[in-house]
C-alpha cells in the first residue's frame, strides 16, 4: 500500500506546481481538497493514455502496404529529388503565388523525372531499396 501513497504523492506534487503557476494565492486546506478529489481522475487518465498510444502503434504496420518495385522507385526518386532541390523548393513555397493548388502540380512535375529511367533501371533501384530498408 505504501507504493500507491508514493505514487499519489508524486502526482499531488505535479498538480500543486501547476496550480501554483496558474494562481498565486492558494490556501493549504484548498490544496489538500483539490488534490484529494482529482486523484481518482488522475489515476484514470494514465490508464487511458497507454491504451491510446498502443492503438496508435497498431495501425502503423498496417499502413505499410506491399509496394511493387516501380512504386518503391517512385517514392525513392521523390525523396532524393526533394533532398537535392530542397533550397529551390523552399523558394517556391515562399513565393507569393504559391497556394494549396500548387502542391499537386509540383508533385506531378517532380514525378515526371521518373520517365527518364528505363523500366529495368527503375525495378533494379526499387528492389535494391526494399532490401536495404
N, C-alpha and C. Protein backbone atom coordinates (compact mmCIF):
# COMPACT_ATOMS: atom_id res chain seq x y z
N UNK A 1 0.82 -1.19 0.00
CA UNK A 1 0.00 0.00 0.00
C UNK A 1 0.86 1.25 0.00
N UNK A 2 2.09 1.16 0.48
CA UNK A 2 2.98 2.31 0.51
C UNK A 2 3.33 2.82 -0.89
N UNK A 3 3.52 1.94 -1.92
CA UNK A 3 3.82 2.45 -3.25
C UNK A 3 2.69 3.29 -3.82
N UNK A 4 1.46 2.97 -3.50
CA UNK A 4 0.34 3.76 -4.00
C UNK A 4 0.37 5.16 -3.43
N UNK A 5 0.69 5.27 -2.13
CA UNK A 5 0.77 6.57 -1.49
C UNK A 5 1.88 7.39 -2.12
N UNK A 6 3.03 6.75 -2.39
CA UNK A 6 4.14 7.45 -3.03
C UNK A 6 3.78 7.92 -4.42
N UNK A 7 3.04 7.10 -5.15
CA UNK A 7 2.62 7.47 -6.49
C UNK A 7 1.66 8.64 -6.44
N UNK A 8 0.71 8.58 -5.50
CA UNK A 8 -0.24 9.69 -5.37
C UNK A 8 0.48 10.96 -4.95
N UNK A 9 1.46 10.81 -4.07
CA UNK A 9 2.17 11.98 -3.59
C UNK A 9 2.91 12.67 -4.74
N UNK A 10 3.51 11.90 -5.63
CA UNK A 10 4.18 12.49 -6.79
C UNK A 10 3.19 13.22 -7.67
N UNK A 11 2.05 12.64 -7.87
CA UNK A 11 1.04 13.28 -8.70
C UNK A 11 0.52 14.54 -8.04
N UNK A 12 0.39 14.51 -6.72
CA UNK A 12 -0.07 15.69 -6.00
C UNK A 12 0.95 16.81 -6.17
N UNK A 13 2.24 16.48 -6.10
CA UNK A 13 3.27 17.49 -6.28
C UNK A 13 3.19 18.11 -7.67
N UNK A 14 2.99 17.29 -8.68
CA UNK A 14 2.85 17.83 -10.03
C UNK A 14 1.61 18.70 -10.12
N UNK A 15 0.57 18.28 -9.49
CA UNK A 15 -0.69 19.02 -9.52
C UNK A 15 -0.51 20.37 -8.83
N UNK A 16 0.16 20.38 -7.69
CA UNK A 16 0.36 21.62 -6.96
C UNK A 16 1.20 22.60 -7.77
N UNK A 17 2.22 22.12 -8.43
CA UNK A 17 3.06 23.04 -9.19
C UNK A 17 2.27 23.69 -10.31
N UNK A 18 1.34 22.97 -10.89
CA UNK A 18 0.51 23.55 -11.93
C UNK A 18 -0.43 24.59 -11.36
N UNK A 19 -1.02 24.31 -10.20
CA UNK A 19 -1.95 25.27 -9.61
C UNK A 19 -1.21 26.49 -9.11
N UNK A 20 0.01 26.31 -8.61
CA UNK A 20 0.76 27.46 -8.14
C UNK A 20 1.12 28.38 -9.30
N UNK A 21 1.39 27.84 -10.43
CA UNK A 21 1.73 28.65 -11.59
C UNK A 21 0.51 29.42 -12.07
N UNK A 22 -0.64 28.76 -12.09
CA UNK A 22 -1.84 29.41 -12.61
C UNK A 22 -2.44 30.40 -11.63
N UNK A 23 -2.35 30.15 -10.31
CA UNK A 23 -2.89 31.09 -9.33
C UNK A 23 -1.87 31.28 -8.23
N UNK A 24 -1.60 32.52 -7.90
CA UNK A 24 -0.57 32.81 -6.92
C UNK A 24 -1.06 32.66 -5.49
N UNK A 25 -2.35 32.87 -5.21
CA UNK A 25 -2.86 32.75 -3.85
C UNK A 25 -3.67 31.48 -3.70
N UNK A 26 -3.22 30.61 -2.80
CA UNK A 26 -3.95 29.39 -2.51
C UNK A 26 -3.68 28.98 -1.08
N UNK A 27 -4.68 28.44 -0.42
CA UNK A 27 -4.51 28.01 0.96
C UNK A 27 -4.17 26.53 0.99
N UNK A 28 -3.53 26.09 2.06
CA UNK A 28 -3.14 24.69 2.16
C UNK A 28 -4.35 23.79 2.29
N UNK A 29 -5.43 24.27 2.89
CA UNK A 29 -6.65 23.46 3.02
C UNK A 29 -7.27 23.23 1.65
N UNK A 30 -7.32 24.26 0.82
CA UNK A 30 -7.91 24.10 -0.51
C UNK A 30 -7.04 23.22 -1.38
N UNK A 31 -5.72 23.28 -1.20
CA UNK A 31 -4.82 22.42 -1.97
C UNK A 31 -5.04 20.96 -1.62
N UNK A 32 -5.21 20.67 -0.33
CA UNK A 32 -5.42 19.28 0.05
C UNK A 32 -6.77 18.78 -0.44
N UNK A 33 -7.78 19.65 -0.47
CA UNK A 33 -9.08 19.25 -1.00
C UNK A 33 -8.99 19.02 -2.51
N UNK A 34 -8.28 19.89 -3.20
CA UNK A 34 -8.12 19.74 -4.65
C UNK A 34 -7.37 18.46 -4.99
N UNK A 35 -6.31 18.19 -4.23
CA UNK A 35 -5.51 17.01 -4.54
C UNK A 35 -6.23 15.73 -4.16
N UNK A 36 -7.10 15.78 -3.16
CA UNK A 36 -7.83 14.58 -2.75
C UNK A 36 -8.92 14.23 -3.75
N UNK A 37 -9.62 15.22 -4.26
CA UNK A 37 -10.72 14.93 -5.18
C UNK A 37 -10.25 14.56 -6.59
N UNK A 38 -9.23 15.23 -7.18
CA UNK A 38 -8.86 14.85 -8.54
C UNK A 38 -7.99 13.60 -8.64
N UNK A 39 -7.48 13.09 -7.52
CA UNK A 39 -6.58 11.95 -7.61
C UNK A 39 -7.20 10.72 -8.27
N UNK A 40 -8.50 10.40 -8.07
CA UNK A 40 -9.06 9.28 -8.83
C UNK A 40 -9.08 9.55 -10.33
N UNK A 41 -9.36 10.78 -10.73
CA UNK A 41 -9.37 11.08 -12.15
C UNK A 41 -7.96 11.04 -12.73
N UNK A 42 -6.97 11.41 -11.91
CA UNK A 42 -5.58 11.34 -12.35
C UNK A 42 -5.19 9.88 -12.56
N UNK A 43 -5.68 8.99 -11.70
CA UNK A 43 -5.38 7.57 -11.86
C UNK A 43 -6.02 7.01 -13.12
N UNK A 44 -7.19 7.51 -13.48
CA UNK A 44 -7.88 7.04 -14.68
C UNK A 44 -7.20 7.53 -15.95
N UNK A 45 -6.68 8.74 -15.93
CA UNK A 45 -6.08 9.33 -17.12
C UNK A 45 -4.86 8.54 -17.61
N UNK A 46 -3.90 8.17 -16.74
CA UNK A 46 -2.77 7.39 -17.24
C UNK A 46 -3.18 6.02 -17.75
N UNK A 47 -4.23 5.45 -17.19
CA UNK A 47 -4.69 4.15 -17.68
C UNK A 47 -5.21 4.26 -19.10
N UNK A 48 -5.85 5.38 -19.42
CA UNK A 48 -6.39 5.57 -20.76
C UNK A 48 -5.29 5.93 -21.76
N UNK A 49 -4.27 6.63 -21.31
CA UNK A 49 -3.21 7.09 -22.20
C UNK A 49 -2.44 5.94 -22.85
N UNK A 50 -2.01 4.91 -22.11
CA UNK A 50 -1.30 3.81 -22.77
C UNK A 50 -2.16 3.08 -23.79
N UNK A 51 -3.46 2.99 -23.54
CA UNK A 51 -4.33 2.33 -24.50
C UNK A 51 -4.35 3.08 -25.81
N UNK A 52 -4.43 4.41 -25.73
CA UNK A 52 -4.48 5.19 -26.97
C UNK A 52 -3.15 5.13 -27.71
N UNK A 53 -2.04 5.14 -26.98
CA UNK A 53 -0.75 5.05 -27.66
C UNK A 53 -0.56 3.66 -28.26
N UNK A 54 -1.08 2.64 -27.60
CA UNK A 54 -0.99 1.29 -28.16
C UNK A 54 -1.87 1.18 -29.39
N UNK A 55 -3.03 1.84 -29.36
CA UNK A 55 -3.90 1.83 -30.53
C UNK A 55 -3.25 2.55 -31.70
N UNK A 56 -2.52 3.63 -31.41
CA UNK A 56 -1.86 4.37 -32.48
C UNK A 56 -0.74 3.55 -33.11
N UNK A 57 -0.07 2.72 -32.32
CA UNK A 57 1.05 1.93 -32.83
C UNK A 57 0.57 0.78 -33.69
N UNK A 58 -0.60 0.24 -33.43
CA UNK A 58 -1.09 -0.91 -34.18
C UNK A 58 -1.35 -0.59 -35.64
N UNK A 59 -1.97 0.55 -36.00
CA UNK A 59 -2.23 0.83 -37.41
C UNK A 59 -0.98 1.12 -38.22
N UNK A 60 0.11 1.54 -37.60
CA UNK A 60 1.31 1.89 -38.35
C UNK A 60 1.82 0.75 -39.21
N UNK A 61 1.97 -0.47 -38.70
CA UNK A 61 2.39 -1.55 -39.58
C UNK A 61 1.35 -1.87 -40.64
N UNK A 62 0.09 -1.69 -40.34
CA UNK A 62 -0.97 -1.98 -41.31
C UNK A 62 -0.97 -0.95 -42.44
N UNK A 63 -0.50 0.26 -42.18
CA UNK A 63 -0.47 1.30 -43.19
C UNK A 63 0.57 1.02 -44.27
N UNK A 64 1.54 0.18 -43.98
CA UNK A 64 2.63 -0.06 -44.89
C UNK A 64 2.27 -1.20 -45.85
N UNK A 65 1.66 -0.86 -46.99
CA UNK A 65 1.29 -1.92 -47.92
C UNK A 65 2.52 -2.40 -48.70
N UNK A 66 2.37 -3.55 -49.29
CA UNK A 66 3.44 -4.10 -50.11
C UNK A 66 3.44 -3.36 -51.44
N UNK A 67 4.54 -2.70 -51.74
CA UNK A 67 4.64 -1.92 -52.97
C UNK A 67 5.45 -2.68 -54.00
N UNK A 68 5.10 -2.49 -55.26
CA UNK A 68 5.92 -3.09 -56.30
C UNK A 68 7.16 -2.23 -56.50
N UNK A 69 8.11 -2.73 -57.25
CA UNK A 69 9.39 -2.04 -57.39
C UNK A 69 9.25 -0.67 -58.05
N UNK A 70 8.28 -0.50 -58.96
CA UNK A 70 8.10 0.81 -59.59
C UNK A 70 7.60 1.86 -58.60
N UNK A 71 6.69 1.46 -57.70
CA UNK A 71 6.21 2.40 -56.69
C UNK A 71 7.32 2.73 -55.70
N UNK A 72 8.11 1.74 -55.34
CA UNK A 72 9.23 1.96 -54.44
C UNK A 72 10.23 2.90 -55.09
N UNK A 73 10.49 2.68 -56.38
CA UNK A 73 11.41 3.55 -57.10
C UNK A 73 10.87 4.98 -57.14
N UNK A 74 9.58 5.12 -57.41
CA UNK A 74 8.97 6.45 -57.47
C UNK A 74 9.10 7.17 -56.12
N UNK A 75 8.84 6.45 -55.03
CA UNK A 75 8.99 7.04 -53.70
C UNK A 75 10.43 7.43 -53.43
N UNK A 76 11.35 6.53 -53.78
CA UNK A 76 12.77 6.80 -53.59
C UNK A 76 13.21 8.02 -54.40
N UNK A 77 12.76 8.08 -55.65
CA UNK A 77 13.13 9.19 -56.53
C UNK A 77 12.61 10.51 -55.97
N UNK A 78 11.36 10.52 -55.50
CA UNK A 78 10.79 11.76 -54.96
C UNK A 78 11.53 12.21 -53.71
N UNK A 79 11.93 11.26 -52.86
CA UNK A 79 12.68 11.62 -51.65
C UNK A 79 14.03 12.23 -52.02
N UNK A 80 14.70 11.60 -52.98
CA UNK A 80 16.01 12.10 -53.39
C UNK A 80 15.91 13.47 -54.06
N UNK A 81 14.91 13.66 -54.91
CA UNK A 81 14.78 14.95 -55.58
C UNK A 81 14.42 16.05 -54.60
N UNK A 82 13.59 15.75 -53.61
CA UNK A 82 13.26 16.78 -52.63
C UNK A 82 14.46 17.12 -51.76
N UNK A 83 15.35 16.14 -51.53
CA UNK A 83 16.58 16.44 -50.80
C UNK A 83 17.49 17.34 -51.63
N UNK A 84 17.66 16.97 -52.89
CA UNK A 84 18.57 17.71 -53.77
C UNK A 84 18.07 19.13 -54.07
N UNK A 85 16.77 19.26 -54.24
CA UNK A 85 16.21 20.56 -54.60
C UNK A 85 15.54 21.25 -53.41
N UNK A 86 15.98 20.95 -52.21
CA UNK A 86 15.33 21.49 -51.02
C UNK A 86 15.35 23.02 -50.98
N UNK A 87 16.47 23.62 -51.35
CA UNK A 87 16.56 25.09 -51.34
C UNK A 87 15.62 25.70 -52.38
N UNK A 88 15.58 25.11 -53.56
CA UNK A 88 14.69 25.61 -54.60
C UNK A 88 13.22 25.42 -54.22
N UNK A 89 12.91 24.30 -53.60
CA UNK A 89 11.53 24.05 -53.16
C UNK A 89 11.12 25.03 -52.06
N UNK A 90 12.05 25.37 -51.18
CA UNK A 90 11.75 26.37 -50.15
C UNK A 90 11.46 27.73 -50.77
N UNK A 91 12.21 28.07 -51.82
CA UNK A 91 11.95 29.33 -52.52
C UNK A 91 10.57 29.32 -53.17
N UNK A 92 10.20 28.18 -53.76
CA UNK A 92 8.88 28.07 -54.37
C UNK A 92 7.77 28.20 -53.33
N UNK A 93 7.96 27.56 -52.19
CA UNK A 93 6.94 27.63 -51.13
C UNK A 93 6.81 29.05 -50.59
N UNK A 94 7.88 29.79 -50.61
CA UNK A 94 7.86 31.16 -50.10
C UNK A 94 7.34 32.17 -51.09
N UNK A 95 7.09 31.75 -52.32
CA UNK A 95 6.60 32.68 -53.35
C UNK A 95 5.18 33.15 -53.03
N UNK A 96 4.86 34.35 -53.48
CA UNK A 96 3.54 34.93 -53.22
C UNK A 96 2.42 34.16 -53.90
N UNK A 97 2.68 33.58 -55.06
CA UNK A 97 1.63 32.90 -55.81
C UNK A 97 1.53 31.40 -55.47
N UNK A 98 2.28 30.93 -54.48
CA UNK A 98 2.21 29.52 -54.09
C UNK A 98 1.03 29.32 -53.15
N UNK A 99 0.15 28.37 -53.48
CA UNK A 99 -1.01 28.08 -52.64
C UNK A 99 -1.26 26.58 -52.60
N UNK A 100 -2.36 26.17 -52.03
CA UNK A 100 -2.67 24.74 -51.88
C UNK A 100 -2.82 24.04 -53.23
N UNK A 101 -3.26 24.76 -54.25
CA UNK A 101 -3.43 24.16 -55.58
C UNK A 101 -2.08 23.90 -56.24
N UNK A 102 -1.05 24.58 -55.80
CA UNK A 102 0.28 24.43 -56.39
C UNK A 102 0.96 23.14 -55.98
N UNK A 103 0.58 22.59 -54.84
CA UNK A 103 1.25 21.39 -54.33
C UNK A 103 1.09 20.20 -55.27
N UNK A 104 -0.13 19.85 -55.70
CA UNK A 104 -0.25 18.71 -56.62
C UNK A 104 0.49 18.92 -57.94
N UNK A 105 0.51 20.16 -58.42
CA UNK A 105 1.23 20.46 -59.66
C UNK A 105 2.72 20.23 -59.46
N UNK A 106 3.23 20.66 -58.33
CA UNK A 106 4.65 20.48 -58.02
C UNK A 106 5.00 19.00 -57.89
N UNK A 107 4.15 18.24 -57.24
CA UNK A 107 4.39 16.80 -57.09
C UNK A 107 4.39 16.10 -58.45
N UNK A 108 3.43 16.43 -59.28
CA UNK A 108 3.38 15.82 -60.62
C UNK A 108 4.60 16.19 -61.45
N UNK A 109 5.06 17.44 -61.30
CA UNK A 109 6.26 17.86 -62.03
C UNK A 109 7.48 17.06 -61.58
N UNK A 110 7.58 16.82 -60.29
CA UNK A 110 8.71 16.04 -59.79
C UNK A 110 8.61 14.58 -60.22
N UNK A 111 7.39 14.04 -60.26
CA UNK A 111 7.19 12.64 -60.68
C UNK A 111 7.56 12.42 -62.14
N UNK A 112 7.48 13.46 -62.96
CA UNK A 112 7.80 13.30 -64.37
C UNK A 112 9.25 12.93 -64.59
N UNK A 113 10.09 13.20 -63.62
CA UNK A 113 11.50 12.83 -63.73
C UNK A 113 11.74 11.34 -63.74
N UNK A 114 10.78 10.57 -63.25
CA UNK A 114 10.94 9.11 -63.25
C UNK A 114 10.90 8.55 -64.67
N UNK A 115 10.35 9.29 -65.62
CA UNK A 115 10.26 8.83 -67.00
C UNK A 115 11.63 8.75 -67.67
N UNK A 116 12.62 9.40 -67.10
CA UNK A 116 13.98 9.37 -67.65
C UNK A 116 14.64 8.01 -67.48
N UNK A 117 14.12 7.19 -66.59
CA UNK A 117 14.71 5.89 -66.30
C UNK A 117 13.94 4.80 -67.03
N UNK A 118 14.67 3.79 -67.47
CA UNK A 118 14.01 2.65 -68.11
C UNK A 118 13.31 1.80 -67.04
N UNK A 119 12.44 0.91 -67.49
CA UNK A 119 11.72 0.05 -66.55
C UNK A 119 12.68 -0.86 -65.80
N UNK A 120 13.72 -1.32 -66.49
CA UNK A 120 14.70 -2.19 -65.84
C UNK A 120 15.45 -1.45 -64.75
N UNK A 121 15.87 -0.21 -65.05
CA UNK A 121 16.58 0.58 -64.05
C UNK A 121 15.69 0.87 -62.85
N UNK A 122 14.44 1.22 -63.13
CA UNK A 122 13.51 1.53 -62.05
C UNK A 122 13.27 0.31 -61.17
N UNK A 123 13.09 -0.85 -61.79
CA UNK A 123 12.84 -2.06 -60.99
C UNK A 123 14.09 -2.47 -60.22
N UNK A 124 15.27 -2.28 -60.81
CA UNK A 124 16.52 -2.61 -60.13
C UNK A 124 16.71 -1.71 -58.90
N UNK A 125 16.47 -0.42 -59.09
CA UNK A 125 16.61 0.52 -57.97
C UNK A 125 15.53 0.24 -56.92
N UNK A 126 14.32 -0.05 -57.38
CA UNK A 126 13.22 -0.34 -56.46
C UNK A 126 13.47 -1.57 -55.62
N UNK A 127 14.00 -2.62 -56.24
CA UNK A 127 14.28 -3.84 -55.47
C UNK A 127 15.47 -3.66 -54.54
N UNK A 128 16.45 -2.86 -54.95
CA UNK A 128 17.61 -2.65 -54.08
C UNK A 128 17.25 -1.79 -52.87
N UNK A 129 16.33 -0.84 -53.03
CA UNK A 129 15.94 -0.01 -51.89
C UNK A 129 15.08 -0.78 -50.91
N UNK A 130 14.30 -1.75 -51.38
CA UNK A 130 13.49 -2.55 -50.46
C UNK A 130 14.36 -3.49 -49.65
N UNK A 131 15.46 -3.92 -50.20
CA UNK A 131 16.37 -4.82 -49.48
C UNK A 131 17.12 -4.08 -48.39
N UNK A 132 17.49 -2.82 -48.64
CA UNK A 132 18.26 -2.06 -47.66
C UNK A 132 17.38 -1.52 -46.55
N UNK A 133 16.08 -1.33 -46.78
CA UNK A 133 15.23 -0.76 -45.74
C UNK A 133 14.74 -1.77 -44.76
